[in-house]
Every structure is written in structure tokens, then in C-alpha cells.
N, C-alpha and C. Protein backbone atom coordinates (compact mmCIF):
# COMPACT_ATOMS: atom_id res chain seq x y z
N MET A 1 80.70 103.25 -89.56
CA MET A 1 80.27 103.18 -88.19
C MET A 1 81.48 103.35 -87.27
N GLU A 2 81.29 104.07 -86.20
CA GLU A 2 82.37 104.33 -85.26
C GLU A 2 82.16 103.48 -84.01
N TYR A 3 83.24 102.88 -83.52
CA TYR A 3 83.16 102.08 -82.30
C TYR A 3 83.85 102.83 -81.20
N LYS A 4 83.05 103.26 -80.24
CA LYS A 4 83.60 104.00 -79.12
C LYS A 4 82.82 103.66 -77.86
N LYS A 5 83.44 103.96 -76.74
CA LYS A 5 82.84 103.64 -75.45
C LYS A 5 83.47 104.55 -74.41
N PRO A 6 82.65 105.08 -73.49
CA PRO A 6 83.25 105.89 -72.42
C PRO A 6 84.03 105.01 -71.44
N LEU A 7 85.09 105.58 -70.90
CA LEU A 7 85.90 104.89 -69.91
C LEU A 7 85.46 105.35 -68.53
N TYR A 8 85.18 104.40 -67.66
CA TYR A 8 84.82 104.70 -66.27
C TYR A 8 85.95 104.20 -65.39
N LEU A 9 86.73 105.13 -64.87
CA LEU A 9 87.86 104.76 -64.03
C LEU A 9 87.41 104.35 -62.64
N ARG A 10 88.14 103.39 -62.11
CA ARG A 10 87.95 102.96 -60.73
C ARG A 10 89.15 103.43 -59.91
N TRP A 11 88.96 103.55 -58.62
CA TRP A 11 90.05 103.92 -57.73
C TRP A 11 91.23 102.97 -57.92
N ALA A 12 90.95 101.70 -58.10
CA ALA A 12 91.99 100.67 -58.25
C ALA A 12 92.79 100.84 -59.54
N ASP A 13 92.31 101.65 -60.49
CA ASP A 13 93.01 101.87 -61.76
C ASP A 13 94.12 102.91 -61.62
N LEU A 14 94.19 103.58 -60.49
CA LEU A 14 95.14 104.68 -60.31
C LEU A 14 96.45 104.19 -59.70
N ASP A 15 97.51 104.95 -59.98
CA ASP A 15 98.81 104.65 -59.38
C ASP A 15 99.10 105.68 -58.28
N PRO A 16 100.25 105.62 -57.63
CA PRO A 16 100.55 106.58 -56.55
C PRO A 16 100.63 108.04 -57.01
N ASN A 17 100.73 108.27 -58.33
CA ASN A 17 100.74 109.64 -58.86
C ASN A 17 99.33 110.14 -59.16
N TYR A 18 98.32 109.35 -58.82
CA TYR A 18 96.90 109.69 -59.00
C TYR A 18 96.48 109.80 -60.47
N HIS A 19 97.19 109.07 -61.32
CA HIS A 19 96.71 108.96 -62.70
C HIS A 19 96.62 107.48 -63.07
N LEU A 20 96.03 107.24 -64.22
CA LEU A 20 95.80 105.87 -64.67
C LEU A 20 97.12 105.12 -64.73
N ARG A 21 97.20 103.98 -64.02
CA ARG A 21 98.45 103.21 -63.99
C ARG A 21 98.68 102.55 -65.34
N HIS A 22 99.93 102.36 -65.69
CA HIS A 22 100.27 101.89 -67.03
C HIS A 22 99.63 100.55 -67.37
N SER A 23 99.57 99.60 -66.46
CA SER A 23 99.01 98.28 -66.78
C SER A 23 97.49 98.31 -66.94
N ALA A 24 96.84 99.32 -66.39
CA ALA A 24 95.38 99.43 -66.54
C ALA A 24 95.00 99.70 -68.00
N TYR A 25 95.83 100.41 -68.73
CA TYR A 25 95.55 100.67 -70.15
C TYR A 25 95.36 99.35 -70.90
N TYR A 26 96.23 98.39 -70.62
CA TYR A 26 96.17 97.09 -71.30
C TYR A 26 94.90 96.33 -70.91
N ASP A 27 94.56 96.35 -69.62
CA ASP A 27 93.35 95.67 -69.16
C ASP A 27 92.10 96.29 -69.75
N ILE A 28 92.06 97.61 -69.78
CA ILE A 28 90.90 98.33 -70.31
C ILE A 28 90.73 98.05 -71.80
N ALA A 29 91.83 98.09 -72.57
CA ALA A 29 91.75 97.83 -74.01
C ALA A 29 91.31 96.39 -74.28
N ALA A 30 91.80 95.44 -73.49
CA ALA A 30 91.40 94.04 -73.67
C ALA A 30 89.91 93.86 -73.41
N GLN A 31 89.39 94.50 -72.38
CA GLN A 31 87.97 94.41 -72.08
C GLN A 31 87.14 95.03 -73.20
N PHE A 32 87.58 96.17 -73.71
CA PHE A 32 86.89 96.86 -74.79
C PHE A 32 86.83 95.98 -76.04
N ARG A 33 87.95 95.36 -76.43
CA ARG A 33 87.98 94.46 -77.59
C ARG A 33 87.04 93.28 -77.39
N THR A 34 87.08 92.71 -76.20
CA THR A 34 86.24 91.55 -75.89
C THR A 34 84.77 91.90 -75.98
N GLU A 35 84.38 93.03 -75.43
CA GLU A 35 82.99 93.47 -75.47
C GLU A 35 82.55 93.75 -76.90
N LEU A 36 83.42 94.35 -77.69
CA LEU A 36 83.07 94.65 -79.07
C LEU A 36 82.83 93.37 -79.86
N LEU A 37 83.74 92.41 -79.75
CA LEU A 37 83.55 91.15 -80.46
C LEU A 37 82.29 90.43 -79.97
N GLN A 38 82.03 90.51 -78.67
CA GLN A 38 80.83 89.88 -78.11
C GLN A 38 79.57 90.48 -78.73
N GLU A 39 79.57 91.79 -78.97
CA GLU A 39 78.42 92.45 -79.61
C GLU A 39 78.12 91.83 -80.98
N PHE A 40 79.15 91.30 -81.64
CA PHE A 40 78.99 90.67 -82.94
C PHE A 40 78.79 89.16 -82.83
N GLY A 41 78.61 88.67 -81.61
CA GLY A 41 78.38 87.25 -81.40
C GLY A 41 79.66 86.42 -81.39
N ILE A 42 80.79 87.08 -81.29
CA ILE A 42 82.08 86.39 -81.25
C ILE A 42 82.60 86.46 -79.82
N GLY A 43 82.26 85.43 -79.06
CA GLY A 43 82.67 85.38 -77.66
C GLY A 43 83.11 83.98 -77.29
N LEU A 44 83.09 83.69 -76.01
CA LEU A 44 83.58 82.40 -75.52
C LEU A 44 82.87 81.22 -76.17
N ASN A 45 81.56 81.29 -76.33
CA ASN A 45 80.84 80.19 -76.97
C ASN A 45 81.31 79.98 -78.40
N TYR A 46 81.49 81.07 -79.14
CA TYR A 46 81.96 80.96 -80.53
C TYR A 46 83.34 80.32 -80.56
N TYR A 47 84.22 80.77 -79.70
CA TYR A 47 85.59 80.24 -79.68
C TYR A 47 85.59 78.74 -79.38
N GLN A 48 84.77 78.34 -78.43
CA GLN A 48 84.72 76.91 -78.07
C GLN A 48 84.16 76.07 -79.21
N GLU A 49 83.11 76.54 -79.85
CA GLU A 49 82.46 75.77 -80.91
C GLU A 49 83.29 75.75 -82.20
N SER A 50 83.87 76.88 -82.56
CA SER A 50 84.59 76.97 -83.84
C SER A 50 86.04 76.48 -83.74
N LYS A 51 86.55 76.42 -82.52
CA LYS A 51 87.96 76.05 -82.29
C LYS A 51 88.92 77.10 -82.85
N PHE A 52 88.43 78.34 -83.00
CA PHE A 52 89.26 79.47 -83.43
C PHE A 52 89.30 80.49 -82.32
N ASN A 53 90.49 80.93 -81.99
CA ASN A 53 90.65 81.96 -80.96
C ASN A 53 91.56 83.06 -81.47
N PRO A 54 91.30 84.29 -81.04
CA PRO A 54 92.27 85.35 -81.31
C PRO A 54 93.44 85.18 -80.34
N ILE A 55 94.65 85.42 -80.82
CA ILE A 55 95.80 85.40 -79.92
C ILE A 55 96.57 86.71 -80.06
N LEU A 56 97.27 87.03 -79.02
CA LEU A 56 98.04 88.26 -78.96
C LEU A 56 99.49 87.95 -79.30
N LEU A 57 100.02 88.63 -80.31
CA LEU A 57 101.42 88.47 -80.69
C LEU A 57 102.29 89.53 -80.03
N LYS A 58 101.73 90.73 -79.94
CA LYS A 58 102.47 91.85 -79.36
C LYS A 58 101.46 92.92 -78.99
N GLU A 59 101.78 93.65 -77.94
CA GLU A 59 100.90 94.74 -77.50
C GLU A 59 101.80 95.86 -76.98
N GLU A 60 101.50 97.09 -77.42
CA GLU A 60 102.31 98.21 -76.95
C GLU A 60 101.43 99.45 -76.81
N CYS A 61 101.84 100.30 -75.88
CA CYS A 61 101.08 101.51 -75.64
C CYS A 61 102.01 102.71 -75.67
N VAL A 62 101.57 103.75 -76.36
CA VAL A 62 102.28 105.02 -76.38
C VAL A 62 101.48 105.97 -75.51
N PHE A 63 102.11 106.43 -74.44
CA PHE A 63 101.46 107.33 -73.48
C PHE A 63 101.79 108.76 -73.87
N LYS A 64 100.74 109.56 -74.10
CA LYS A 64 100.94 110.93 -74.58
C LYS A 64 100.57 111.98 -73.53
N ARG A 65 99.52 111.72 -72.79
CA ARG A 65 99.05 112.64 -71.75
C ARG A 65 98.49 111.82 -70.61
N GLU A 66 98.64 112.32 -69.40
CA GLU A 66 98.13 111.54 -68.28
C GLU A 66 96.60 111.57 -68.24
N ILE A 67 96.04 110.51 -67.71
CA ILE A 67 94.61 110.43 -67.48
C ILE A 67 94.43 110.41 -65.96
N ARG A 68 93.64 111.34 -65.47
CA ARG A 68 93.43 111.46 -64.03
C ARG A 68 91.99 111.07 -63.68
N TYR A 69 91.83 110.70 -62.44
CA TYR A 69 90.51 110.35 -61.94
C TYR A 69 89.58 111.54 -62.16
N GLY A 70 88.42 111.29 -62.75
CA GLY A 70 87.47 112.35 -63.05
C GLY A 70 87.53 112.84 -64.49
N ASP A 71 88.61 112.54 -65.20
CA ASP A 71 88.68 112.89 -66.62
C ASP A 71 87.63 112.10 -67.39
N GLU A 72 86.98 112.74 -68.32
CA GLU A 72 86.04 112.05 -69.20
C GLU A 72 86.81 111.58 -70.42
N ILE A 73 86.94 110.27 -70.54
CA ILE A 73 87.74 109.66 -71.60
C ILE A 73 86.84 108.78 -72.46
N MET A 74 87.05 108.87 -73.76
CA MET A 74 86.35 108.00 -74.70
C MET A 74 87.37 107.08 -75.34
N LEU A 75 87.01 105.80 -75.43
CA LEU A 75 87.84 104.81 -76.10
C LEU A 75 87.36 104.67 -77.54
N TYR A 76 88.29 104.62 -78.48
CA TYR A 76 87.97 104.42 -79.89
C TYR A 76 88.70 103.19 -80.40
N PHE A 77 88.00 102.39 -81.20
CA PHE A 77 88.53 101.15 -81.74
C PHE A 77 88.69 101.29 -83.24
N HIS A 78 89.88 100.95 -83.76
CA HIS A 78 90.12 100.97 -85.21
C HIS A 78 90.93 99.75 -85.61
N LEU A 79 90.59 99.21 -86.75
CA LEU A 79 91.42 98.19 -87.38
C LEU A 79 92.49 98.95 -88.16
N LYS A 80 93.73 98.73 -87.78
CA LYS A 80 94.83 99.47 -88.41
C LYS A 80 95.33 98.76 -89.67
N GLU A 81 95.51 97.45 -89.58
CA GLU A 81 95.97 96.65 -90.72
C GLU A 81 95.44 95.24 -90.59
N VAL A 82 95.33 94.56 -91.73
CA VAL A 82 94.95 93.16 -91.74
C VAL A 82 95.63 92.51 -92.94
N THR A 83 96.10 91.28 -92.77
CA THR A 83 96.72 90.59 -93.91
C THR A 83 95.65 90.23 -94.92
N GLU A 84 96.09 89.90 -96.11
CA GLU A 84 95.15 89.60 -97.20
C GLU A 84 94.20 88.47 -96.82
N ASP A 85 94.68 87.45 -96.11
CA ASP A 85 93.82 86.32 -95.73
C ASP A 85 93.19 86.50 -94.33
N TYR A 86 93.42 87.65 -93.70
CA TYR A 86 92.86 87.99 -92.39
C TYR A 86 93.43 87.15 -91.24
N SER A 87 94.51 86.43 -91.48
CA SER A 87 95.08 85.60 -90.42
C SER A 87 95.78 86.43 -89.35
N LYS A 88 96.29 87.61 -89.72
CA LYS A 88 96.93 88.51 -88.76
C LYS A 88 96.32 89.90 -88.92
N TYR A 89 96.30 90.62 -87.81
CA TYR A 89 95.67 91.94 -87.82
C TYR A 89 96.35 92.84 -86.80
N THR A 90 96.15 94.13 -86.98
CA THR A 90 96.63 95.14 -86.04
C THR A 90 95.44 96.02 -85.68
N ILE A 91 95.20 96.16 -84.40
CA ILE A 91 94.08 96.95 -83.89
C ILE A 91 94.64 98.07 -83.02
N MET A 92 94.03 99.25 -83.10
CA MET A 92 94.43 100.36 -82.23
C MET A 92 93.24 100.79 -81.39
N VAL A 93 93.50 100.95 -80.10
CA VAL A 93 92.53 101.54 -79.18
C VAL A 93 93.10 102.88 -78.73
N SER A 94 92.36 103.95 -79.00
CA SER A 94 92.79 105.29 -78.63
C SER A 94 92.02 105.75 -77.40
N PHE A 95 92.73 106.37 -76.47
CA PHE A 95 92.15 106.94 -75.26
C PHE A 95 92.11 108.45 -75.48
N VAL A 96 90.91 109.01 -75.64
CA VAL A 96 90.77 110.42 -76.02
C VAL A 96 90.02 111.18 -74.93
N ARG A 97 90.62 112.30 -74.48
CA ARG A 97 89.97 113.15 -73.48
C ARG A 97 88.85 113.93 -74.16
N GLU A 98 87.66 113.83 -73.61
CA GLU A 98 86.47 114.43 -74.23
C GLU A 98 86.52 115.95 -74.32
N LYS A 99 86.96 116.62 -73.27
CA LYS A 99 86.83 118.08 -73.24
C LYS A 99 87.64 118.79 -74.32
N ASP A 100 88.78 118.22 -74.71
CA ASP A 100 89.60 118.89 -75.72
C ASP A 100 89.96 117.99 -76.90
N GLN A 101 89.43 116.76 -76.89
CA GLN A 101 89.68 115.79 -77.96
C GLN A 101 91.16 115.46 -78.14
N LYS A 102 91.92 115.56 -77.07
CA LYS A 102 93.35 115.21 -77.11
C LYS A 102 93.52 113.72 -76.89
N VAL A 103 94.38 113.11 -77.70
CA VAL A 103 94.70 111.69 -77.53
C VAL A 103 95.65 111.57 -76.35
N CYS A 104 95.25 110.78 -75.37
CA CYS A 104 96.07 110.57 -74.18
C CYS A 104 96.97 109.34 -74.31
N ALA A 105 96.50 108.34 -75.06
CA ALA A 105 97.29 107.13 -75.26
C ALA A 105 96.77 106.39 -76.48
N GLU A 106 97.67 105.64 -77.11
CA GLU A 106 97.31 104.78 -78.24
C GLU A 106 97.89 103.40 -77.97
N LEU A 107 97.00 102.44 -77.83
CA LEU A 107 97.41 101.07 -77.55
C LEU A 107 97.22 100.24 -78.81
N THR A 108 98.31 99.63 -79.26
CA THR A 108 98.28 98.86 -80.50
C THR A 108 98.42 97.39 -80.18
N ILE A 109 97.55 96.59 -80.79
CA ILE A 109 97.52 95.15 -80.59
C ILE A 109 97.85 94.48 -81.91
N TYR A 110 98.82 93.61 -81.89
CA TYR A 110 99.17 92.79 -83.05
C TYR A 110 98.66 91.39 -82.74
N GLY A 111 97.69 90.94 -83.50
CA GLY A 111 97.06 89.66 -83.20
C GLY A 111 96.98 88.75 -84.40
N ALA A 112 96.52 87.55 -84.13
CA ALA A 112 96.35 86.55 -85.18
C ALA A 112 95.24 85.60 -84.76
N TRP A 113 94.80 84.79 -85.70
CA TRP A 113 93.79 83.77 -85.42
C TRP A 113 94.49 82.42 -85.29
N PHE A 114 94.12 81.71 -84.26
CA PHE A 114 94.77 80.45 -83.89
C PHE A 114 93.74 79.33 -83.95
N ASN A 115 94.05 78.30 -84.72
CA ASN A 115 93.18 77.13 -84.83
C ASN A 115 93.54 76.17 -83.70
N LEU A 116 92.61 75.96 -82.78
CA LEU A 116 92.88 75.10 -81.63
C LEU A 116 93.04 73.64 -82.01
N ALA A 117 92.42 73.22 -83.10
CA ALA A 117 92.52 71.82 -83.53
C ALA A 117 93.91 71.52 -84.10
N THR A 118 94.43 72.43 -84.92
CA THR A 118 95.73 72.20 -85.55
C THR A 118 96.88 72.80 -84.75
N ARG A 119 96.55 73.71 -83.80
CA ARG A 119 97.54 74.42 -82.98
C ARG A 119 98.46 75.28 -83.85
N LYS A 120 97.85 75.89 -84.89
CA LYS A 120 98.63 76.73 -85.81
C LYS A 120 97.85 78.02 -86.11
N LEU A 121 98.61 79.04 -86.52
CA LEU A 121 97.97 80.25 -87.02
C LEU A 121 97.30 79.90 -88.34
N GLN A 122 96.12 80.48 -88.54
CA GLN A 122 95.36 80.14 -89.75
C GLN A 122 94.40 81.27 -90.08
N ALA A 123 94.06 81.39 -91.34
CA ALA A 123 93.04 82.35 -91.74
C ALA A 123 91.73 81.98 -91.05
N PRO A 124 90.98 82.96 -90.61
CA PRO A 124 89.75 82.69 -89.87
C PRO A 124 88.59 82.28 -90.78
N PRO A 125 87.53 81.74 -90.18
CA PRO A 125 86.32 81.43 -90.95
C PRO A 125 85.72 82.71 -91.56
N GLN A 126 84.93 82.55 -92.60
CA GLN A 126 84.36 83.67 -93.34
C GLN A 126 83.57 84.63 -92.46
N GLU A 127 82.85 84.12 -91.46
CA GLU A 127 82.05 85.03 -90.62
C GLU A 127 82.94 86.01 -89.85
N LEU A 128 84.16 85.60 -89.51
CA LEU A 128 85.08 86.52 -88.86
C LEU A 128 85.62 87.56 -89.84
N VAL A 129 85.87 87.15 -91.06
CA VAL A 129 86.31 88.08 -92.10
C VAL A 129 85.23 89.15 -92.30
N GLU A 130 83.98 88.73 -92.37
CA GLU A 130 82.87 89.67 -92.58
C GLU A 130 82.74 90.65 -91.42
N ILE A 131 82.98 90.18 -90.21
CA ILE A 131 82.93 91.08 -89.04
C ILE A 131 84.07 92.07 -89.10
N PHE A 132 85.28 91.60 -89.39
CA PHE A 132 86.42 92.51 -89.47
C PHE A 132 86.23 93.55 -90.56
N ASP A 133 85.55 93.20 -91.63
CA ASP A 133 85.29 94.16 -92.70
C ASP A 133 84.37 95.29 -92.25
N LYS A 134 83.64 95.10 -91.17
CA LYS A 134 82.74 96.13 -90.65
C LYS A 134 83.45 97.11 -89.73
N PHE A 135 84.65 96.75 -89.26
CA PHE A 135 85.36 97.61 -88.32
C PHE A 135 85.88 98.87 -89.01
N PRO A 136 85.82 100.01 -88.31
CA PRO A 136 86.41 101.21 -88.91
C PRO A 136 87.92 101.06 -88.99
N ARG A 137 88.48 101.58 -90.06
CA ARG A 137 89.92 101.45 -90.29
C ARG A 137 90.60 102.81 -90.14
N LEU A 138 91.83 102.74 -89.69
CA LEU A 138 92.65 103.95 -89.66
C LEU A 138 93.11 104.24 -91.07
N PRO A 139 93.19 105.50 -91.44
CA PRO A 139 93.73 105.83 -92.77
C PRO A 139 95.17 105.33 -92.86
N GLN A 140 95.54 104.77 -94.00
CA GLN A 140 96.91 104.32 -94.23
C GLN A 140 97.80 105.54 -94.43
N GLU A 141 98.98 105.49 -93.80
CA GLU A 141 99.92 106.59 -93.96
C GLU A 141 100.55 106.52 -95.34
N LYS A 142 100.71 107.66 -95.95
CA LYS A 142 101.30 107.73 -97.29
C LYS A 142 102.82 107.65 -97.18
N GLU A 143 103.41 106.91 -98.10
CA GLU A 143 104.87 106.82 -98.14
C GLU A 143 105.45 108.08 -98.75
N ALA A 144 106.62 108.47 -98.24
CA ALA A 144 107.27 109.70 -98.74
C ALA A 144 107.95 109.46 -100.06
């Protein structure tokens, strides 16, 4: 199954050069991740009841092509890597221009699961593991 969503730019998302401002990429990717997890029933209520929250360890974006107002952009979600116990994960959100299928940006999120009761990183409950197993994965790069 593929997880994708069209991007609808707002005037406020633009910078003085009339393209998507750098910080908007991070906001858009965070909203996309949140909506996707919510579709699986993993949202604020789940976090409060289970005392497990996703946390952000690092986030970076590689900008390849500008995105301008009016461009039709599709967001794609992939699980890039996950540790054996699922306590840490890497997710990539790709911003792809529809007309030519060119990747405009790749935003990578390095995250982990945080137990609010113990205040420590911890492997998530089984239902989260099962959800992560449903996410499409990026092909692993072969070593030379």
C-alpha cells in the first residue's frame, strides 16, 4: 500500500522568492505524519492513554527543486529504517512534482518512542509495531 497525499499550498507557505519557504517543509511533513498515524487510530487520545509518544531526535531536509505556488505536489511517506525492537525509526517524506514526477525535496525524520511514565526511550507496544509493519518501506541501498 502506498501512502500519499496532495499538497495544497497556502499563500503563507511562500517566501519572498515566491516558492515554498524552507520551514514550511517541516510543518507540512509533521502534519502529514500526524494525519497518517491518526488514520490508524494513533493520535492524541492513544498517546494520553498508553503513555507512549513519538519523539523527534533529528529532522533534515534535502532541497532539490523549488516548489512554487500552483505546482501540483504529491507527498509520499516511507519507513526508511527501524530498529529490531522498533524503539527507533527513520521516516522519509518525499515532495514530488506531479507533472514530471521529479523529487523536489526529501525530508528525513529520525524518531523514537518515549515512555511518559518512565521518561525513557522504549520499544513501543505491539499495536504500534503492527502499524509500522504496514508502512511502505524504502528499498535498502546495497553496500559496495
